[in-house]
Structures are given as structure tokens and as C-alpha cells.
Amino acid sequence: MAIDWHAGQRDEVKGHLDSHPVDSGECLEAARKVLPVAQVRDPTAHPWKLVPLEGRFVVPRSPLERRWFHHYTVELLKHCVDAVVGPDGAESPTYLQKHWQHSECINWQTVDFAEEET
């Protein structure tokens, strides 16, 4: 089931994700823009940083031109939102298994955007 965004929010989030598409490697920038919109919809919304538990990369199921050492997503209403899944989001409990290769080797880390470098 998709996120039930309030009026205009879905389009705003889609615009942010379109500005930082999946192949751009700009997931941090996208998450920084999506988070304030998400927090209006769900005050408990927060970002996650996905990092490998083993190896060097996190690998989405969709093919990419470059490798990622980590990935940022925003969680709200028990859904993750990022360029991998789009503005409708993917249910958090199954997000890794459905959208990432080697999901058992990925760790969720809490993140403070003020400490993250672009």
C-alpha cells in the first residue's frame, strides 16, 4: 500500500526524487529534501543510512551505473521513500528484501544530516 500523502506532498516529494534520480548517486541530497515534507505528514519521520555489514557496497536490485558504499532513505508511516522506490514508498518491513541484493548483509544506521557530508 502506498503512502497517503496530503495534498501536494506527493508531487513535492516526486520533484525532489526526480531532481536526484537513482543513478545520480545523490541519495543524501534527496533524503535531505524529502525529510521536511515527510515530517509534516508524520512527525516521527526520520532518515536512515544503509551500510554494508559485509563487503564494500550496498546493491539495489535495479541495475546502476555506479556502486554505492551506502544509501540514504527516509522512513515515515512504516514506509521508506527514496529514488529506489519512489514517492509512494515501500513498506519498511520488506523494503530491504524486495529492493536490495544481499539484504541480510545491510545494516540500518540512524543518521544526523548535520554530520553527513555530500
N, C-alpha and C. Protein backbone atom coordinates (compact mmCIF):
# COMPACT_ATOMS: atom_id res chain seq x y z
N MET A 1 0.84 -1.18 0.00
CA MET A 1 0.00 0.00 0.00
C MET A 1 0.89 1.25 0.00
N ALA A 2 0.54 2.23 -0.77
CA ALA A 2 1.30 3.46 -0.91
C ALA A 2 1.05 4.43 0.25
N ILE A 3 1.97 5.34 0.44
CA ILE A 3 1.81 6.39 1.45
C ILE A 3 0.65 7.29 1.04
N ASP A 4 -0.17 7.62 2.02
CA ASP A 4 -1.31 8.52 1.81
C ASP A 4 -0.84 9.95 2.09
N TRP A 5 -0.16 10.54 1.09
CA TRP A 5 0.33 11.90 1.24
C TRP A 5 -0.83 12.88 1.29
N HIS A 6 -0.64 14.00 1.96
CA HIS A 6 -1.63 15.08 1.93
C HIS A 6 -1.48 15.84 0.61
N ALA A 7 -2.44 16.69 0.31
CA ALA A 7 -2.49 17.43 -0.95
C ALA A 7 -1.15 18.08 -1.28
N GLY A 8 -0.65 17.80 -2.48
CA GLY A 8 0.57 18.41 -2.96
C GLY A 8 1.87 17.79 -2.47
N GLN A 9 1.81 17.03 -1.38
CA GLN A 9 3.05 16.47 -0.82
C GLN A 9 3.68 15.43 -1.74
N ARG A 10 2.86 14.56 -2.32
CA ARG A 10 3.41 13.52 -3.20
C ARG A 10 4.15 14.16 -4.37
N ASP A 11 3.54 15.18 -4.98
CA ASP A 11 4.19 15.87 -6.10
C ASP A 11 5.48 16.55 -5.68
N GLU A 12 5.50 17.12 -4.48
CA GLU A 12 6.72 17.75 -3.98
C GLU A 12 7.82 16.72 -3.79
N VAL A 13 7.48 15.59 -3.17
CA VAL A 13 8.47 14.52 -2.96
C VAL A 13 8.94 13.97 -4.30
N LYS A 14 8.01 13.76 -5.22
CA LYS A 14 8.39 13.25 -6.54
C LYS A 14 9.36 14.22 -7.22
N GLY A 15 9.11 15.51 -7.11
CA GLY A 15 10.01 16.50 -7.69
C GLY A 15 11.41 16.42 -7.11
N HIS A 16 11.51 16.23 -5.79
CA HIS A 16 12.83 16.09 -5.15
C HIS A 16 13.53 14.83 -5.65
N LEU A 17 12.80 13.74 -5.74
CA LEU A 17 13.40 12.49 -6.20
C LEU A 17 13.78 12.57 -7.68
N ASP A 18 12.97 13.24 -8.48
CA ASP A 18 13.29 13.42 -9.89
C ASP A 18 14.55 14.29 -10.07
N SER A 19 14.75 15.23 -9.14
CA SER A 19 15.94 16.09 -9.20
C SER A 19 17.22 15.34 -8.82
N HIS A 20 17.05 14.22 -8.13
CA HIS A 20 18.18 13.40 -7.69
C HIS A 20 17.86 11.93 -8.01
N PRO A 21 17.86 11.58 -9.29
CA PRO A 21 17.45 10.24 -9.69
C PRO A 21 18.40 9.16 -9.17
N VAL A 22 17.94 7.93 -9.23
CA VAL A 22 18.67 6.81 -8.65
C VAL A 22 20.10 6.70 -9.17
N ASP A 23 20.34 6.94 -10.43
CA ASP A 23 21.70 6.82 -10.98
C ASP A 23 22.60 8.01 -10.66
N SER A 24 22.06 9.05 -10.06
CA SER A 24 22.87 10.24 -9.77
C SER A 24 23.82 10.03 -8.60
N GLY A 25 23.50 9.08 -7.74
CA GLY A 25 24.30 8.89 -6.54
C GLY A 25 24.07 9.99 -5.51
N GLU A 26 22.97 10.74 -5.64
CA GLU A 26 22.68 11.88 -4.78
C GLU A 26 21.57 11.56 -3.77
N CYS A 27 21.64 10.37 -3.20
CA CYS A 27 20.59 9.96 -2.27
C CYS A 27 20.58 10.81 -0.99
N LEU A 28 21.74 11.28 -0.55
CA LEU A 28 21.78 12.15 0.63
C LEU A 28 21.03 13.45 0.36
N GLU A 29 21.30 14.06 -0.79
CA GLU A 29 20.63 15.31 -1.13
C GLU A 29 19.12 15.10 -1.25
N ALA A 30 18.72 13.99 -1.86
CA ALA A 30 17.29 13.69 -1.99
C ALA A 30 16.66 13.51 -0.61
N ALA A 31 17.30 12.75 0.25
CA ALA A 31 16.75 12.49 1.58
C ALA A 31 16.64 13.78 2.39
N ARG A 32 17.63 14.66 2.25
CA ARG A 32 17.57 15.95 2.96
C ARG A 32 16.36 16.77 2.53
N LYS A 33 15.99 16.69 1.27
CA LYS A 33 14.84 17.45 0.77
C LYS A 33 13.51 16.76 1.10
N VAL A 34 13.50 15.44 1.10
CA VAL A 34 12.27 14.68 1.38
C VAL A 34 11.91 14.74 2.86
N LEU A 35 12.90 14.73 3.75
CA LEU A 35 12.63 14.65 5.19
C LEU A 35 11.68 15.73 5.71
N PRO A 36 11.86 17.01 5.39
CA PRO A 36 10.93 18.01 5.92
C PRO A 36 9.48 17.78 5.47
N VAL A 37 9.29 17.35 4.24
CA VAL A 37 7.94 17.07 3.75
C VAL A 37 7.38 15.87 4.51
N ALA A 38 8.21 14.85 4.69
CA ALA A 38 7.79 13.65 5.41
C ALA A 38 7.41 13.97 6.86
N GLN A 39 8.16 14.88 7.48
CA GLN A 39 7.88 15.22 8.88
C GLN A 39 6.58 16.00 9.05
N VAL A 40 6.13 16.68 8.00
CA VAL A 40 4.82 17.32 8.05
C VAL A 40 3.74 16.24 8.04
N ARG A 41 3.93 15.23 7.22
CA ARG A 41 2.96 14.13 7.11
C ARG A 41 3.02 13.21 8.34
N ASP A 42 4.23 12.97 8.85
CA ASP A 42 4.44 12.08 10.00
C ASP A 42 5.55 12.70 10.85
N PRO A 43 5.20 13.31 11.98
CA PRO A 43 6.22 13.98 12.81
C PRO A 43 7.35 13.04 13.29
N THR A 44 7.13 11.74 13.23
CA THR A 44 8.18 10.81 13.65
C THR A 44 9.06 10.37 12.48
N ALA A 45 8.86 10.93 11.31
CA ALA A 45 9.68 10.57 10.14
C ALA A 45 11.15 10.83 10.43
N HIS A 46 11.99 9.95 9.90
CA HIS A 46 13.43 10.07 10.16
C HIS A 46 14.23 9.41 9.04
N PRO A 47 15.50 9.82 8.91
CA PRO A 47 16.35 9.24 7.87
C PRO A 47 17.08 8.01 8.39
N TRP A 48 17.47 7.16 7.44
CA TRP A 48 18.32 6.00 7.71
C TRP A 48 19.48 6.03 6.73
N LYS A 49 20.59 5.51 7.18
CA LYS A 49 21.74 5.28 6.31
C LYS A 49 21.93 3.77 6.24
N LEU A 50 21.91 3.24 5.03
CA LEU A 50 22.13 1.81 4.83
C LEU A 50 23.60 1.60 4.51
N VAL A 51 24.23 0.72 5.26
CA VAL A 51 25.66 0.43 5.07
C VAL A 51 25.85 -1.08 5.01
N PRO A 52 26.90 -1.52 4.33
CA PRO A 52 27.15 -2.96 4.25
C PRO A 52 27.70 -3.51 5.56
N LEU A 53 27.18 -4.66 5.97
CA LEU A 53 27.74 -5.38 7.11
C LEU A 53 28.95 -6.19 6.66
N GLU A 54 28.90 -6.61 5.41
CA GLU A 54 29.98 -7.37 4.79
C GLU A 54 30.26 -6.74 3.44
N GLY A 55 31.49 -6.82 2.98
CA GLY A 55 31.83 -6.25 1.69
C GLY A 55 31.93 -4.74 1.76
N ARG A 56 31.91 -4.11 0.57
CA ARG A 56 32.10 -2.66 0.49
C ARG A 56 30.88 -1.89 0.01
N PHE A 57 29.91 -2.59 -0.60
CA PHE A 57 28.83 -1.89 -1.28
C PHE A 57 27.46 -2.35 -0.82
N VAL A 58 26.46 -1.47 -0.98
CA VAL A 58 25.06 -1.85 -0.89
C VAL A 58 24.57 -1.84 -2.34
N VAL A 59 23.81 -2.88 -2.70
CA VAL A 59 23.48 -3.08 -4.11
C VAL A 59 21.96 -3.21 -4.29
N PRO A 60 21.32 -2.20 -4.88
CA PRO A 60 19.89 -2.33 -5.15
C PRO A 60 19.63 -3.37 -6.23
N ARG A 61 18.42 -3.88 -6.27
CA ARG A 61 18.05 -4.88 -7.28
C ARG A 61 17.99 -4.27 -8.68
N SER A 62 17.67 -2.97 -8.77
CA SER A 62 17.66 -2.32 -10.07
C SER A 62 19.11 -2.03 -10.47
N PRO A 63 19.44 -2.21 -11.74
CA PRO A 63 20.84 -2.02 -12.16
C PRO A 63 21.26 -0.55 -12.08
N LEU A 64 22.52 -0.34 -11.71
CA LEU A 64 23.08 1.00 -11.58
C LEU A 64 24.35 1.11 -12.41
N GLU A 65 24.71 2.33 -12.75
CA GLU A 65 25.96 2.56 -13.47
C GLU A 65 27.14 2.66 -12.51
N ARG A 66 26.90 2.99 -11.25
CA ARG A 66 27.99 3.13 -10.28
C ARG A 66 27.64 2.34 -9.02
N ARG A 67 28.65 2.05 -8.24
CA ARG A 67 28.46 1.32 -6.98
C ARG A 67 28.26 2.30 -5.83
N TRP A 68 27.49 1.85 -4.85
CA TRP A 68 27.22 2.68 -3.68
C TRP A 68 27.87 2.08 -2.45
N PHE A 69 28.59 2.90 -1.70
CA PHE A 69 29.18 2.47 -0.43
C PHE A 69 28.13 2.52 0.68
N HIS A 70 27.08 3.31 0.48
CA HIS A 70 25.99 3.45 1.44
C HIS A 70 24.80 4.07 0.69
N HIS A 71 23.67 4.16 1.38
CA HIS A 71 22.47 4.73 0.77
C HIS A 71 21.64 5.37 1.88
N TYR A 72 20.94 6.46 1.54
CA TYR A 72 20.07 7.14 2.48
C TYR A 72 18.62 6.99 2.04
N THR A 73 17.75 6.78 3.01
CA THR A 73 16.32 6.71 2.76
C THR A 73 15.62 7.42 3.91
N VAL A 74 14.36 7.77 3.72
CA VAL A 74 13.56 8.42 4.76
C VAL A 74 12.40 7.48 5.09
N GLU A 75 12.20 7.26 6.38
CA GLU A 75 11.09 6.40 6.81
C GLU A 75 9.99 7.24 7.43
N LEU A 76 8.77 6.99 6.97
CA LEU A 76 7.58 7.61 7.55
C LEU A 76 6.42 6.65 7.37
N LEU A 77 5.52 6.66 8.32
CA LEU A 77 4.33 5.83 8.24
C LEU A 77 4.67 4.38 7.87
N LYS A 78 5.76 3.87 8.43
CA LYS A 78 6.22 2.49 8.21
C LYS A 78 6.53 2.20 6.74
N HIS A 79 6.98 3.24 6.03
CA HIS A 79 7.40 3.13 4.63
C HIS A 79 8.74 3.84 4.44
N CYS A 80 9.55 3.34 3.53
CA CYS A 80 10.78 4.01 3.14
C CYS A 80 10.54 4.73 1.82
N VAL A 81 11.08 5.93 1.70
CA VAL A 81 10.94 6.74 0.49
C VAL A 81 12.33 7.17 0.04
N ASP A 82 12.63 6.91 -1.21
CA ASP A 82 13.90 7.31 -1.83
C ASP A 82 13.76 7.11 -3.33
N ALA A 83 14.83 7.39 -4.07
CA ALA A 83 14.78 7.26 -5.52
C ALA A 83 14.67 5.80 -5.97
N VAL A 84 15.05 4.87 -5.11
CA VAL A 84 14.94 3.44 -5.45
C VAL A 84 13.48 3.04 -5.57
N VAL A 85 12.62 3.53 -4.65
CA VAL A 85 11.22 3.09 -4.62
C VAL A 85 10.22 4.16 -5.03
N GLY A 86 10.62 5.42 -5.05
CA GLY A 86 9.72 6.49 -5.47
C GLY A 86 8.90 7.07 -4.33
N PRO A 87 8.05 8.06 -4.65
CA PRO A 87 7.31 8.81 -3.64
C PRO A 87 6.22 8.00 -2.94
N ASP A 88 5.77 6.91 -3.54
CA ASP A 88 4.75 6.10 -2.87
C ASP A 88 5.34 5.25 -1.76
N GLY A 89 6.66 5.08 -1.80
CA GLY A 89 7.35 4.35 -0.75
C GLY A 89 7.20 2.85 -0.86
N ALA A 90 7.93 2.18 0.00
CA ALA A 90 7.88 0.72 0.13
C ALA A 90 7.77 0.42 1.61
N GLU A 91 6.97 -0.55 1.95
CA GLU A 91 6.76 -0.89 3.36
C GLU A 91 8.09 -1.25 4.01
N SER A 92 8.38 -0.60 5.13
CA SER A 92 9.67 -0.76 5.81
C SER A 92 10.03 -2.21 6.12
N PRO A 93 9.10 -3.03 6.62
CA PRO A 93 9.50 -4.39 6.98
C PRO A 93 10.02 -5.23 5.82
N THR A 94 9.62 -4.90 4.60
CA THR A 94 10.05 -5.69 3.44
C THR A 94 10.92 -4.91 2.45
N TYR A 95 11.22 -3.67 2.79
CA TYR A 95 11.99 -2.79 1.90
C TYR A 95 13.32 -3.42 1.49
N LEU A 96 14.10 -3.86 2.44
CA LEU A 96 15.41 -4.43 2.09
C LEU A 96 15.28 -5.69 1.23
N GLN A 97 14.44 -6.60 1.65
CA GLN A 97 14.31 -7.86 0.92
C GLN A 97 13.81 -7.67 -0.51
N LYS A 98 12.90 -6.75 -0.71
CA LYS A 98 12.31 -6.55 -2.03
C LYS A 98 13.19 -5.71 -2.97
N HIS A 99 13.97 -4.80 -2.42
CA HIS A 99 14.64 -3.81 -3.27
C HIS A 99 16.16 -3.85 -3.23
N TRP A 100 16.74 -4.74 -2.44
CA TRP A 100 18.20 -4.79 -2.29
C TRP A 100 18.72 -6.20 -2.41
N GLN A 101 19.82 -6.34 -3.13
CA GLN A 101 20.51 -7.62 -3.17
C GLN A 101 21.27 -7.79 -1.85
N HIS A 102 21.42 -9.02 -1.43
CA HIS A 102 22.17 -9.34 -0.20
C HIS A 102 21.64 -8.53 0.99
N SER A 103 20.32 -8.48 1.11
CA SER A 103 19.69 -7.66 2.15
C SER A 103 20.11 -8.08 3.56
N GLU A 104 20.47 -9.33 3.73
CA GLU A 104 20.90 -9.80 5.05
C GLU A 104 22.27 -9.22 5.44
N CYS A 105 22.94 -8.60 4.49
CA CYS A 105 24.27 -8.01 4.74
C CYS A 105 24.22 -6.49 4.79
N ILE A 106 23.01 -5.93 5.00
CA ILE A 106 22.86 -4.46 5.07
C ILE A 106 22.39 -4.09 6.47
N ASN A 107 23.00 -3.05 7.02
CA ASN A 107 22.66 -2.56 8.35
C ASN A 107 22.01 -1.18 8.24
N TRP A 108 20.96 -0.96 9.04
CA TRP A 108 20.31 0.33 9.15
C TRP A 108 21.03 1.13 10.23
N GLN A 109 21.43 2.36 9.92
CA GLN A 109 22.05 3.24 10.92
C GLN A 109 21.24 4.52 11.04
N THR A 110 21.06 4.97 12.28
CA THR A 110 20.44 6.29 12.46
C THR A 110 21.44 7.32 11.95
N VAL A 111 20.93 8.42 11.50
CA VAL A 111 21.80 9.41 10.89
C VAL A 111 21.36 10.82 11.29
N ASP A 112 22.35 11.68 11.48
CA ASP A 112 22.13 13.10 11.70
C ASP A 112 22.66 13.81 10.46
N PHE A 113 21.78 14.40 9.68
CA PHE A 113 22.18 15.03 8.43
C PHE A 113 23.25 16.11 8.63
N ALA A 114 23.26 16.75 9.78
CA ALA A 114 24.25 17.81 10.03
C ALA A 114 25.66 17.25 10.03
N GLU A 115 25.80 15.96 10.30
CA GLU A 115 27.12 15.34 10.37
C GLU A 115 27.51 14.63 9.08
N GLU A 116 26.60 14.56 8.12
CA GLU A 116 26.87 13.86 6.86
C GLU A 116 27.39 14.82 5.81
N GLU A 117 28.39 14.40 5.08
CA GLU A 117 28.98 15.21 4.02
C GLU A 117 28.42 14.78 2.67
N THR A 118 28.26 15.74 1.77
CA THR A 118 27.79 15.42 0.43
C THR A 118 28.93 15.00 -0.45
